[in-house]
Amino acid sequence: MEQELRRYLMEEILPKYDRFDEGHDRTHVDRVLRNARKLAEEYGADQDMVEVIALYHDIGLEGGREEHQLLSGKRLREDSALKRWFSPEEIELMAQAVEDHRASAETQPRSLYGKIVADADREYQPERLVHRSLRYGRSQYPSLTTEQQYQRTWEHCKNKYGPDGYARFYLKDARTDQDLARLHALLQNREAFFQLCQREDVKEIP
């Protein structure tokens, strides 16, 4: 990646995530970036474009959670600095990928780049998923008891990543299949799931 582009992304875009909740902070976007780089290499996508998409994918949270993906795409399109490194067609492709990343989307991403960032954004490893869900729950619903937080986390994980959950994966990845199998087994055993919640509740984010 060109050094000026990397400097711009690291100094102007990445720090914005420090203002978001613990489920969407710098740790989260760093993980999405790592996942996206791996998928880009595996599927032959342009690494520079993938990094931009990963770093912009949740930037719209500045304007609220609802439809943040659309605001993220708008911010990317309107960022005149990106014109130094990308063509208008590439900027539009990246903006569409950002818009298409949300797990609750009813249609498939419009491009390989959208599929990469969508899959990179999915938190399917049981430990990380539970940890992030707990952190989000405690920040957004502080009045809930510990057991209620665990129940909320269990229901969220089941609704999103259970066998009939709404989150979809678009690119084949053996590691994803292995972690989802572990997660599905945990979701069938409420006691074991709550034990995992207890362990993750006292940890720093993995």
Protein backbone atom coordinates (compact mmCIF):
# COMPACT_ATOMS: atom_id res chain seq x y z
CA MET A 1 0.00 0.00 0.00
CA GLU A 2 1.22 3.50 -0.82
CA GLN A 3 2.58 5.11 2.33
CA GLU A 4 0.56 8.30 1.97
CA LEU A 5 -2.66 6.31 1.71
CA ARG A 6 -1.79 4.18 4.73
CA ARG A 7 -0.87 7.27 6.73
CA TYR A 8 -4.17 8.91 5.85
CA LEU A 9 -6.19 5.85 6.86
CA MET A 10 -4.29 5.30 10.11
CA GLU A 11 -4.26 8.96 11.18
CA GLU A 12 -7.60 10.27 9.90
CA ILE A 13 -9.98 7.29 9.71
CA LEU A 14 -8.97 4.68 12.29
CA PRO A 15 -9.05 7.07 15.31
CA LYS A 16 -12.76 7.73 14.69
CA TYR A 17 -13.49 4.26 16.08
CA ASP A 18 -12.21 5.32 19.49
CA ARG A 19 -15.53 7.16 19.99
CA PHE A 20 -17.72 4.11 19.37
CA ASP A 21 -19.02 1.48 21.81
CA GLU A 22 -16.83 -1.47 22.77
CA GLY A 23 -18.49 -3.68 20.17
CA HIS A 24 -17.45 -1.34 17.35
CA ASP A 25 -14.24 0.23 18.59
CA ARG A 26 -10.68 0.14 17.29
CA THR A 27 -10.22 -3.45 18.43
CA HIS A 28 -13.19 -4.46 16.29
CA VAL A 29 -12.07 -2.64 13.15
CA ASP A 30 -8.54 -4.02 13.59
CA ARG A 31 -9.96 -7.55 13.57
CA VAL A 32 -12.14 -6.83 10.54
CA LEU A 33 -9.07 -5.46 8.77
CA ARG A 34 -7.04 -8.60 9.50
CA ASN A 35 -9.86 -10.88 8.37
CA ALA A 36 -10.41 -8.85 5.21
CA ARG A 37 -6.72 -8.93 4.29
CA LYS A 38 -6.70 -12.73 4.53
CA LEU A 39 -9.82 -13.08 2.41
CA ALA A 40 -8.49 -10.58 -0.14
CA GLU A 41 -5.32 -12.62 -0.54
CA GLU A 42 -7.26 -15.86 -0.82
CA TYR A 43 -9.72 -14.51 -3.41
CA GLY A 44 -7.36 -12.26 -5.37
CA ALA A 45 -8.93 -8.90 -4.45
CA ASP A 46 -7.10 -5.58 -4.44
CA GLN A 47 -5.58 -5.19 -0.98
CA ASP A 48 -5.66 -1.39 -0.96
CA MET A 49 -9.37 -1.31 -1.76
CA VAL A 50 -10.13 -3.98 0.82
CA GLU A 51 -8.31 -2.01 3.53
CA VAL A 52 -10.24 1.15 2.71
CA ILE A 53 -13.54 -0.75 2.80
CA ALA A 54 -12.70 -2.36 6.14
CA LEU A 55 -11.75 0.94 7.72
CA TYR A 56 -14.86 2.75 6.48
CA HIS A 57 -17.39 -0.02 7.05
CA ASP A 58 -18.70 1.26 10.42
CA ILE A 59 -17.68 4.91 10.19
CA GLY A 60 -21.35 5.86 9.77
CA LEU A 61 -21.96 5.00 13.44
CA GLU A 62 -21.12 8.65 14.03
CA GLY A 63 -24.68 9.30 12.87
CA GLY A 64 -26.32 6.47 14.83
CA ARG A 65 -26.69 2.71 14.53
CA GLU A 66 -29.76 2.58 12.28
CA GLU A 67 -28.71 2.38 8.63
CA HIS A 68 -25.15 3.24 9.58
CA GLN A 69 -23.95 1.23 6.60
CA LEU A 70 -25.59 3.70 4.21
CA LEU A 71 -24.02 6.65 5.99
CA SER A 72 -20.67 4.84 5.92
CA GLY A 73 -20.96 4.46 2.15
CA LYS A 74 -21.90 8.12 1.82
CA ARG A 75 -18.87 9.19 3.85
CA LEU A 76 -16.59 7.10 1.64
CA ARG A 77 -18.07 8.53 -1.56
CA GLU A 78 -17.71 12.08 -0.28
CA ASP A 79 -14.14 11.73 0.98
CA SER A 80 -12.29 13.77 -1.62
CA ALA A 81 -8.91 12.60 -0.28
CA LEU A 82 -9.52 9.13 -1.71
CA LYS A 83 -9.54 10.58 -5.24
CA ARG A 84 -5.76 10.81 -4.95
CA TRP A 85 -5.44 7.03 -5.02
CA PHE A 86 -8.63 5.61 -6.59
CA SER A 87 -10.73 6.13 -9.71
CA PRO A 88 -14.41 7.13 -9.47
CA GLU A 89 -15.35 3.57 -10.42
CA GLU A 90 -13.22 2.12 -7.62
CA ILE A 91 -14.64 4.57 -5.09
CA GLU A 92 -18.18 3.60 -6.08
CA LEU A 93 -17.33 -0.11 -5.82
CA MET A 94 -15.87 0.42 -2.34
CA ALA A 95 -18.87 2.48 -1.22
CA GLN A 96 -21.27 -0.24 -2.38
CA ALA A 97 -19.25 -2.86 -0.51
CA VAL A 98 -19.50 -0.79 2.68
CA GLU A 99 -23.26 -0.42 2.21
CA ASP A 100 -23.66 -4.19 1.72
CA HIS A 101 -21.78 -5.42 4.80
CA ARG A 102 -24.56 -5.47 7.39
CA ALA A 103 -25.56 -8.91 8.70
CA SER A 104 -29.27 -8.09 8.59
CA ALA A 105 -29.17 -7.20 4.89
CA GLU A 106 -31.88 -9.02 2.93
CA THR A 107 -29.86 -9.26 -0.30
CA GLN A 108 -26.39 -10.51 -1.12
CA PRO A 109 -23.52 -8.04 -1.51
CA ARG A 110 -23.20 -6.73 -5.04
CA SER A 111 -19.52 -7.64 -5.46
CA LEU A 112 -16.68 -9.78 -4.18
CA TYR A 113 -15.56 -6.78 -2.13
CA GLY A 114 -18.90 -6.60 -0.38
CA LYS A 115 -18.74 -10.30 0.42
CA ILE A 116 -15.21 -9.92 1.80
CA VAL A 117 -16.08 -7.14 4.23
CA ALA A 118 -19.38 -8.80 5.19
CA ASP A 119 -17.64 -12.05 6.12
CA ALA A 120 -14.72 -10.22 7.75
CA ASP A 121 -17.20 -8.33 9.94
CA ARG A 122 -18.97 -11.45 11.23
CA GLU A 123 -17.92 -12.35 14.78
CA TYR A 124 -18.42 -16.10 14.82
CA GLN A 125 -15.66 -17.34 17.16
CA PRO A 126 -17.60 -18.14 20.36
CA GLU A 127 -15.20 -16.47 22.78
CA ARG A 128 -14.92 -13.19 20.89
CA LEU A 129 -18.61 -13.14 20.02
CA VAL A 130 -19.66 -13.59 23.64
CA HIS A 131 -17.14 -11.04 24.87
CA ARG A 132 -18.25 -8.37 22.39
CA SER A 133 -21.93 -9.07 23.04
CA LEU A 134 -21.43 -8.74 26.78
CA ARG A 135 -19.49 -5.50 26.44
CA TYR A 136 -22.18 -4.06 24.22
CA GLY A 137 -24.95 -5.20 26.54
CA ARG A 138 -23.33 -3.72 29.61
CA SER A 139 -22.78 -0.38 27.89
CA GLN A 140 -26.26 -0.15 26.35
CA TYR A 141 -28.37 -1.87 29.03
CA PRO A 142 -26.61 -1.13 32.35
CA SER A 143 -29.72 -1.82 34.44
CA LEU A 144 -29.78 -5.54 33.54
CA THR A 145 -28.56 -8.01 36.13
CA THR A 146 -25.63 -10.28 35.32
CA GLU A 147 -27.94 -13.20 34.57
CA GLN A 148 -30.09 -10.99 32.36
CA GLN A 149 -26.98 -9.88 30.49
CA TYR A 150 -26.06 -13.52 29.89
CA GLN A 151 -29.59 -14.29 28.73
CA ARG A 152 -29.55 -11.29 26.36
CA THR A 153 -26.20 -12.44 24.98
CA TRP A 154 -27.46 -15.99 24.47
CA GLU A 155 -30.57 -14.78 22.64
CA HIS A 156 -28.57 -12.38 20.48
CA CYS A 157 -26.05 -15.04 19.46
CA LYS A 158 -28.80 -17.54 18.74
CA ASN A 159 -30.85 -15.09 16.66
CA LYS A 160 -27.85 -13.91 14.69
CA TYR A 161 -25.57 -16.95 14.33
CA GLY A 162 -27.71 -19.94 15.28
CA PRO A 163 -28.66 -22.56 12.65
CA ASP A 164 -31.65 -20.39 11.66
CA GLY A 165 -29.94 -17.06 12.35
CA TYR A 166 -30.07 -14.09 10.02
CA ALA A 167 -26.30 -13.64 9.56
CA ARG A 168 -25.02 -15.22 6.37
CA PHE A 169 -21.53 -16.08 5.12
CA TYR A 170 -20.69 -15.74 1.45
CA LEU A 171 -17.14 -17.07 1.05
CA LYS A 172 -15.97 -20.58 1.89
CA ASP A 173 -13.62 -20.70 4.85
CA ALA A 174 -12.84 -23.86 6.85
CA ARG A 175 -12.04 -21.85 9.98
CA THR A 176 -15.48 -20.24 9.86
CA ASP A 177 -17.15 -23.64 9.61
CA GLN A 178 -15.20 -24.96 12.61
CA ASP A 179 -16.01 -21.99 14.83
CA LEU A 180 -19.68 -21.97 13.83
CA ALA A 181 -19.92 -25.67 14.69
CA ARG A 182 -18.53 -24.91 18.16
CA LEU A 183 -20.92 -22.00 18.57
CA HIS A 184 -23.96 -24.03 17.50
CA ALA A 185 -23.05 -26.72 20.04
CA LEU A 186 -22.81 -24.09 22.78
CA LEU A 187 -26.15 -22.57 21.83
CA GLN A 188 -27.77 -25.96 22.39
CA ASN A 189 -26.46 -26.02 25.97
CA ARG A 190 -27.57 -22.97 27.94
CA GLU A 191 -25.56 -23.93 31.02
CA ALA A 192 -22.33 -24.28 29.03
CA PHE A 193 -23.04 -21.01 27.24
CA PHE A 194 -23.54 -19.19 30.56
CA GLN A 195 -20.27 -20.67 31.83
CA LEU A 196 -18.54 -19.18 28.79
CA CYS A 197 -20.21 -15.84 29.59
CA GLN A 198 -18.79 -15.98 33.11
CA ARG A 199 -15.27 -16.59 31.80
CA GLU A 200 -15.44 -13.89 29.14
CA ASP A 201 -17.10 -11.35 31.43
CA VAL A 202 -13.88 -10.79 33.37
CA LYS A 203 -11.43 -10.84 30.46
CA GLU A 204 -9.91 -8.11 28.41
CA ILE A 205 -11.18 -8.31 24.85
CA PRO A 206 -9.40 -11.20 23.04
